[in-house]
């Protein structure tokens, strides 16, 4: 069986490394390893998503869905210390690194959980879900993540997604619009789209 960054238990040989980077004017240090996404540096799509994310109007914790070793969740936790951030990933190695990186960067308003999608947090409601989905896992997996995100958002909760045009930005935008009834292209940058959709539903928690 091939080993992917979206595998639950990566079998690739460990090769720990570290790097320092600046995200949202915050200097951060990350521990990474084989078997996780973008192990050598924070990828351009993730950086673009982080730089353009704005807090939603509604209250609620922030969910970093598919957190990897933690660049999105940790940056947002440092930027918004008044908010709690929940970080989830199916990959146990990514979760181990994310926990270590929270400690390294003194991000105390963070909870890190191993979870297949939103399974371990399906009974909670979030003010925003932020994700750079694993497009290599296939369209069905990504679209399921969009549906699951919708189900764990509060009233006026927002889903923020980054996608490359060549990875299917038009198709993903269409999926979000059909589910939420709205979608905005926040920014286009070097072939990457940051998409935002807002859940409006009187029957869900405010």
C-alpha atoms as a PDB file:
ATOM      1  CA  UNK A   1       0.000   0.000   0.000  1.00  0.00           C
ATOM      2  CA  UNK A   2       1.424   3.420  -0.926  1.00  0.00           C
ATOM      3  CA  UNK A   3       2.267   5.882   1.810  1.00  0.00           C
ATOM      4  CA  UNK A   4       0.610   9.299   1.470  1.00  0.00           C
ATOM      5  CA  UNK A   5       0.418  12.351   3.687  1.00  0.00           C
ATOM      6  CA  UNK A   6      -3.283  11.562   4.091  1.00  0.00           C
ATOM      7  CA  UNK A   7      -2.525   8.022   5.334  1.00  0.00           C
ATOM      8  CA  UNK A   8      -3.578   7.284   8.902  1.00  0.00           C
ATOM      9  CA  UNK A   9      -0.276   5.589   9.808  1.00  0.00           C
ATOM     10  CA  UNK A  10       2.592   6.681   7.541  1.00  0.00           C
ATOM     11  CA  UNK A  11       5.269   3.989   7.161  1.00  0.00           C
ATOM     12  CA  UNK A  12       7.952   6.118   5.497  1.00  0.00           C
ATOM     13  CA  UNK A  13      11.272   6.205   7.348  1.00  0.00           C
ATOM     14  CA  UNK A  14      11.517   9.024   9.858  1.00  0.00           C
ATOM     15  CA  UNK A  15      13.743  11.936   8.884  1.00  0.00           C
ATOM     16  CA  UNK A  16      12.954  14.787  11.318  1.00  0.00           C
ATOM     17  CA  UNK A  17      13.817  18.349  10.348  1.00  0.00           C
ATOM     18  CA  UNK A  18      12.991  21.910  11.384  1.00  0.00           C
ATOM     19  CA  UNK A  19      12.563  25.249   9.678  1.00  0.00           C
ATOM     20  CA  UNK A  20      11.661  28.810  10.598  1.00  0.00           C
ATOM     21  CA  UNK A  21       9.219  30.949   8.633  1.00  0.00           C
ATOM     22  CA  UNK A  22       7.100  34.082   8.964  1.00  0.00           C
ATOM     23  CA  UNK A  23       3.318  33.884   8.505  1.00  0.00           C
ATOM     24  CA  UNK A  24       1.053  36.900   9.051  1.00  0.00           C
ATOM     25  CA  UNK A  25       4.096  38.784  10.391  1.00  0.00           C
ATOM     26  CA  UNK A  26       4.541  36.078  13.057  1.00  0.00           C
ATOM     27  CA  UNK A  27       7.850  34.200  13.202  1.00  0.00           C
ATOM     28  CA  UNK A  28       7.246  30.492  13.744  1.00  0.00           C
ATOM     29  CA  UNK A  29       9.392  27.372  14.070  1.00  0.00           C
ATOM     30  CA  UNK A  30       8.115  24.051  12.735  1.00  0.00           C
ATOM     31  CA  UNK A  31       9.220  20.461  13.274  1.00  0.00           C
ATOM     32  CA  UNK A  32       8.443  18.311  10.229  1.00  0.00           C
ATOM     33  CA  UNK A  33       9.188  14.803   8.959  1.00  0.00           C
ATOM     34  CA  UNK A  34       8.636  12.365   6.118  1.00  0.00           C
ATOM     35  CA  UNK A  35       5.019  11.327   5.582  1.00  0.00           C
ATOM     36  CA  UNK A  36       3.459  14.771   6.053  1.00  0.00           C
ATOM     37  CA  UNK A  37       2.373  17.412   3.542  1.00  0.00           C
ATOM     38  CA  UNK A  38       4.891  20.044   2.421  1.00  0.00           C
ATOM     39  CA  UNK A  39       7.551  18.950   4.894  1.00  0.00           C
ATOM     40  CA  UNK A  40      10.312  21.343   3.732  1.00  0.00           C
ATOM     41  CA  UNK A  41       8.380  24.607   3.867  1.00  0.00           C
ATOM     42  CA  UNK A  42       4.850  25.986   4.158  1.00  0.00           C
ATOM     43  CA  UNK A  43       3.379  25.714   0.671  1.00  0.00           C
ATOM     44  CA  UNK A  44       2.183  28.740  -1.287  1.00  0.00           C
ATOM     45  CA  UNK A  45      -1.497  27.755  -1.146  1.00  0.00           C
ATOM     46  CA  UNK A  46      -1.478  27.481   2.639  1.00  0.00           C
ATOM     47  CA  UNK A  47       0.351  30.805   2.957  1.00  0.00           C
ATOM     48  CA  UNK A  48      -2.218  32.458   0.680  1.00  0.00           C
ATOM     49  CA  UNK A  49      -5.101  31.057   2.740  1.00  0.00           C
ATOM     50  CA  UNK A  50      -3.559  32.225   6.027  1.00  0.00           C
ATOM     51  CA  UNK A  51      -2.775  35.719   4.746  1.00  0.00           C
ATOM     52  CA  UNK A  52      -6.322  36.337   3.486  1.00  0.00           C
ATOM     53  CA  UNK A  53      -8.372  34.711   6.260  1.00  0.00           C
ATOM     54  CA  UNK A  54     -10.570  37.067   8.298  1.00  0.00           C
ATOM     55  CA  UNK A  55     -12.487  36.161  11.434  1.00  0.00           C
ATOM     56  CA  UNK A  56     -16.188  35.545  10.747  1.00  0.00           C
ATOM     57  CA  UNK A  57     -18.868  37.738  12.316  1.00  0.00           C
ATOM     58  CA  UNK A  58     -20.233  34.869  14.395  1.00  0.00           C
ATOM     59  CA  UNK A  59     -18.634  33.443  17.524  1.00  0.00           C
ATOM     60  CA  UNK A  60     -17.247  29.959  17.901  1.00  0.00           C
ATOM     61  CA  UNK A  61     -13.975  28.084  17.815  1.00  0.00           C
ATOM     62  CA  UNK A  62     -11.913  27.787  14.644  1.00  0.00           C
ATOM     63  CA  UNK A  63     -11.376  24.349  13.087  1.00  0.00           C
ATOM     64  CA  UNK A  64      -8.226  23.613  11.069  1.00  0.00           C
ATOM     65  CA  UNK A  65      -9.388  20.589   9.074  1.00  0.00           C
ATOM     66  CA  UNK A  66      -6.483  18.463   7.821  1.00  0.00           C
ATOM     67  CA  UNK A  67      -3.984  20.438   9.872  1.00  0.00           C
ATOM     68  CA  UNK A  68      -0.791  18.583   8.940  1.00  0.00           C
ATOM     69  CA  UNK A  69       2.048  19.730  11.194  1.00  0.00           C
ATOM     70  CA  UNK A  70       0.057  22.839  12.059  1.00  0.00           C
ATOM     71  CA  UNK A  71       0.885  26.015  10.090  1.00  0.00           C
ATOM     72  CA  UNK A  72      -2.717  27.209   9.668  1.00  0.00           C
ATOM     73  CA  UNK A  73      -4.017  26.447  13.150  1.00  0.00           C
ATOM     74  CA  UNK A  74      -0.936  27.674  14.989  1.00  0.00           C
ATOM     75  CA  UNK A  75      -0.747  30.924  13.012  1.00  0.00           C
ATOM     76  CA  UNK A  76      -4.426  31.663  13.647  1.00  0.00           C
ATOM     77  CA  UNK A  77      -4.063  30.785  17.338  1.00  0.00           C
ATOM     78  CA  UNK A  78      -1.220  33.298  17.638  1.00  0.00           C
ATOM     79  CA  UNK A  79      -3.073  35.927  15.592  1.00  0.00           C
ATOM     80  CA  UNK A  80      -6.347  35.539  17.496  1.00  0.00           C
ATOM     81  CA  UNK A  81      -5.440  34.626  21.108  1.00  0.00           C
ATOM     82  CA  UNK A  82      -9.031  35.316  22.191  1.00  0.00           C
ATOM     83  CA  UNK A  83     -10.272  32.411  20.041  1.00  0.00           C
ATOM     84  CA  UNK A  84      -9.800  28.690  20.621  1.00  0.00           C
ATOM     85  CA  UNK A  85      -8.475  26.670  17.681  1.00  0.00           C
ATOM     86  CA  UNK A  86      -9.094  22.962  17.113  1.00  0.00           C
ATOM     87  CA  UNK A  87      -6.710  21.145  14.766  1.00  0.00           C
ATOM     88  CA  UNK A  88      -7.548  17.720  13.321  1.00  0.00           C
ATOM     89  CA  UNK A  89      -5.843  15.330  10.917  1.00  0.00           C
ATOM     90  CA  UNK A  90      -6.120  11.621  10.126  1.00  0.00           C
ATOM     91  CA  UNK A  91      -2.321  11.283   9.960  1.00  0.00           C
ATOM     92  CA  UNK A  92      -0.918  10.267  13.371  1.00  0.00           C
ATOM     93  CA  UNK A  93       2.562  11.543  12.503  1.00  0.00           C
ATOM     94  CA  UNK A  94       1.141  14.937  11.533  1.00  0.00           C
ATOM     95  CA  UNK A  95      -0.740  15.074  14.845  1.00  0.00           C
ATOM     96  CA  UNK A  96       2.411  14.235  16.801  1.00  0.00           C
ATOM     97  CA  UNK A  97       4.244  17.067  15.002  1.00  0.00           C
ATOM     98  CA  UNK A  98       1.350  19.516  15.380  1.00  0.00           C
ATOM     99  CA  UNK A  99       1.325  18.980  19.158  1.00  0.00           C
ATOM    100  CA  UNK A 100       5.079  19.502  19.297  1.00  0.00           C
ATOM    101  CA  UNK A 101       4.804  22.651  17.167  1.00  0.00           C
ATOM    102  CA  UNK A 102       2.101  24.086  19.428  1.00  0.00           C
ATOM    103  CA  UNK A 103       4.510  23.731  22.346  1.00  0.00           C
ATOM    104  CA  UNK A 104       7.468  25.107  20.376  1.00  0.00           C
ATOM    105  CA  UNK A 105       5.490  28.182  19.329  1.00  0.00           C
ATOM    106  CA  UNK A 106       3.715  28.610  22.692  1.00  0.00           C
ATOM    107  CA  UNK A 107       0.243  28.311  21.177  1.00  0.00           C
ATOM    108  CA  UNK A 108      -1.806  27.492  24.274  1.00  0.00           C
ATOM    109  CA  UNK A 109      -5.309  28.174  22.892  1.00  0.00           C
ATOM    110  CA  UNK A 110      -5.159  25.066  20.686  1.00  0.00           C
ATOM    111  CA  UNK A 111      -6.569  21.540  20.886  1.00  0.00           C
ATOM    112  CA  UNK A 112      -5.013  18.907  18.584  1.00  0.00           C
ATOM    113  CA  UNK A 113      -6.925  15.704  17.794  1.00  0.00           C
ATOM    114  CA  UNK A 114      -6.395  12.745  15.496  1.00  0.00           C
ATOM    115  CA  UNK A 115      -9.608  12.497  13.484  1.00  0.00           C
ATOM    116  CA  UNK A 116     -10.752  11.089  10.164  1.00  0.00           C
ATOM    117  CA  UNK A 117     -12.274  14.308   8.830  1.00  0.00           C
ATOM    118  CA  UNK A 118     -14.608  15.802  11.453  1.00  0.00           C
ATOM    119  CA  UNK A 119     -15.475  12.444  13.042  1.00  0.00           C
ATOM    120  CA  UNK A 120     -14.053  13.298  16.486  1.00  0.00           C
ATOM    121  CA  UNK A 121     -15.631  16.777  16.552  1.00  0.00           C
ATOM    122  CA  UNK A 122     -18.940  16.061  14.802  1.00  0.00           C
ATOM    123  CA  UNK A 123     -20.921  17.021  17.918  1.00  0.00           C
ATOM    124  CA  UNK A 124     -19.377  20.512  18.058  1.00  0.00           C
ATOM    125  CA  UNK A 125     -20.184  23.756  16.238  1.00  0.00           C
ATOM    126  CA  UNK A 126     -17.446  26.025  14.852  1.00  0.00           C
ATOM    127  CA  UNK A 127     -17.351  29.660  13.841  1.00  0.00           C
ATOM    128  CA  UNK A 128     -15.080  28.827  10.912  1.00  0.00           C
ATOM    129  CA  UNK A 129     -13.521  25.818   9.210  1.00  0.00           C
ATOM    130  CA  UNK A 130     -10.244  26.507   7.418  1.00  0.00           C
ATOM    131  CA  UNK A 131      -8.704  23.892   5.125  1.00  0.00           C
ATOM    132  CA  UNK A 132      -6.202  23.140   2.405  1.00  0.00           C
ATOM    133  CA  UNK A 133      -7.755  19.791   1.420  1.00  0.00           C
ATOM    134  CA  UNK A 134      -5.776  16.712   0.294  1.00  0.00           C
ATOM    135  CA  UNK A 135      -6.658  16.908  -3.395  1.00  0.00           C
ATOM    136  CA  UNK A 136      -4.439  13.908  -4.149  1.00  0.00           C
ATOM    137  CA  UNK A 137      -6.875  11.819  -2.105  1.00  0.00           C
ATOM    138  CA  UNK A 138      -9.473  12.409  -4.828  1.00  0.00           C
ATOM    139  CA  UNK A 139     -12.538  14.517  -5.561  1.00  0.00           C
ATOM    140  CA  UNK A 140     -14.884  12.370  -3.455  1.00  0.00           C
ATOM    141  CA  UNK A 141     -12.764  12.799  -0.312  1.00  0.00           C
ATOM    142  CA  UNK A 142     -12.504  16.561  -0.806  1.00  0.00           C
ATOM    143  CA  UNK A 143     -16.229  16.985  -1.485  1.00  0.00           C
ATOM    144  CA  UNK A 144     -17.007  14.916   1.629  1.00  0.00           C
ATOM    145  CA  UNK A 145     -14.833  17.322   3.620  1.00  0.00           C
ATOM    146  CA  UNK A 146     -16.884  20.232   2.268  1.00  0.00           C
ATOM    147  CA  UNK A 147     -20.142  18.536   3.304  1.00  0.00           C
ATOM    148  CA  UNK A 148     -18.762  17.639   6.740  1.00  0.00           C
ATOM    149  CA  UNK A 149     -17.582  21.224   7.231  1.00  0.00           C
ATOM    150  CA  UNK A 150     -21.075  22.522   6.507  1.00  0.00           C
ATOM    151  CA  UNK A 151     -22.477  20.213   9.182  1.00  0.00           C
ATOM    152  CA  UNK A 152     -20.194  21.503  11.964  1.00  0.00           C
ATOM    153  CA  UNK A 153     -20.585  25.242  11.318  1.00  0.00           C
ATOM    154  CA  UNK A 154     -22.638  27.613  13.453  1.00  0.00           C
ATOM    155  CA  UNK A 155     -25.159  30.085  12.087  1.00  0.00           C
ATOM    156  CA  UNK A 156     -23.108  32.445   9.885  1.00  0.00           C
ATOM    157  CA  UNK A 157     -20.118  30.146  10.299  1.00  0.00           C
ATOM    158  CA  UNK A 158     -17.689  30.277   7.399  1.00  0.00           C
ATOM    159  CA  UNK A 159     -15.805  27.681   5.368  1.00  0.00           C
ATOM    160  CA  UNK A 160     -12.473  28.851   3.939  1.00  0.00           C
ATOM    161  CA  UNK A 161     -10.750  26.665   1.344  1.00  0.00           C
ATOM    162  CA  UNK A 162      -7.686  27.089  -0.869  1.00  0.00           C
ATOM    163  CA  UNK A 163      -7.523  25.243  -4.200  1.00  0.00           C
ATOM    164  CA  UNK A 164      -5.446  25.414  -7.355  1.00  0.00           C
ATOM    165  CA  UNK A 165      -7.297  25.961 -10.615  1.00  0.00           C
ATOM    166  CA  UNK A 166      -5.708  22.798 -12.043  1.00  0.00           C
ATOM    167  CA  UNK A 167      -6.887  20.815  -9.000  1.00  0.00           C
ATOM    168  CA  UNK A 168     -10.495  21.655  -9.808  1.00  0.00           C
ATOM    169  CA  UNK A 169     -11.258  25.116  -8.457  1.00  0.00           C
ATOM    170  CA  UNK A 170     -14.370  25.566 -10.685  1.00  0.00           C
ATOM    171  CA  UNK A 171     -15.784  22.182  -9.588  1.00  0.00           C
ATOM    172  CA  UNK A 172     -15.106  22.875  -5.910  1.00  0.00           C
ATOM    173  CA  UNK A 173     -16.619  26.342  -6.144  1.00  0.00           C
ATOM    174  CA  UNK A 174     -19.731  24.797  -7.699  1.00  0.00           C
ATOM    175  CA  UNK A 175     -19.938  22.206  -4.897  1.00  0.00           C
ATOM    176  CA  UNK A 176     -19.694  24.893  -2.214  1.00  0.00           C
ATOM    177  CA  UNK A 177     -22.313  27.056  -3.898  1.00  0.00           C
ATOM    178  CA  UNK A 178     -24.753  24.156  -4.236  1.00  0.00           C
ATOM    179  CA  UNK A 179     -24.376  23.316  -0.535  1.00  0.00           C
ATOM    180  CA  UNK A 180     -24.179  26.778   1.050  1.00  0.00           C
ATOM    181  CA  UNK A 181     -26.162  28.781  -1.517  1.00  0.00           C
ATOM    182  CA  UNK A 182     -23.250  31.232  -1.733  1.00  0.00           C
ATOM    183  CA  UNK A 183     -19.511  31.301  -2.368  1.00  0.00           C
ATOM    184  CA  UNK A 184     -16.999  34.128  -2.797  1.00  0.00           C
ATOM    185  CA  UNK A 185     -13.616  34.067  -4.469  1.00  0.00           C
ATOM    186  CA  UNK A 186     -11.653  36.009  -1.838  1.00  0.00           C
ATOM    187  CA  UNK A 187      -8.477  36.101  -3.908  1.00  0.00           C
ATOM    188  CA  UNK A 188      -6.830  34.570  -6.975  1.00  0.00           C
ATOM    189  CA  UNK A 189      -3.055  34.352  -6.741  1.00  0.00           C
ATOM    190  CA  UNK A 190      -0.714  32.466  -9.115  1.00  0.00           C
ATOM    191  CA  UNK A 191      -3.325  29.862  -9.969  1.00  0.00           C
ATOM    192  CA  UNK A 192      -4.605  29.474  -6.387  1.00  0.00           C
ATOM    193  CA  UNK A 193      -8.144  30.400  -5.355  1.00  0.00           C
ATOM    194  CA  UNK A 194      -9.203  31.163  -1.799  1.00  0.00           C
ATOM    195  CA  UNK A 195     -12.930  30.398  -1.540  1.00  0.00           C
ATOM    196  CA  UNK A 196     -15.291  31.356   1.288  1.00  0.00           C
ATOM    197  CA  UNK A 197     -18.859  30.192   1.911  1.00  0.00           C
ATOM    198  CA  UNK A 198     -21.171  31.180   4.793  1.00  0.00           C
ATOM    199  CA  UNK A 199     -23.782  28.931   6.377  1.00  0.00           C
ATOM    200  CA  UNK A 200     -27.161  30.586   6.829  1.00  0.00           C
ATOM    201  CA  UNK A 201     -29.675  28.373   8.597  1.00  0.00           C
ATOM    202  CA  UNK A 202     -32.123  29.329  11.346  1.00  0.00           C
ATOM    203  CA  UNK A 203     -32.172  25.778  12.678  1.00  0.00           C
ATOM    204  CA  UNK A 204     -28.535  25.603  13.746  1.00  0.00           C
ATOM    205  CA  UNK A 205     -26.817  27.151  16.773  1.00  0.00           C
ATOM    206  CA  UNK A 206     -25.851  30.813  16.784  1.00  0.00           C
END
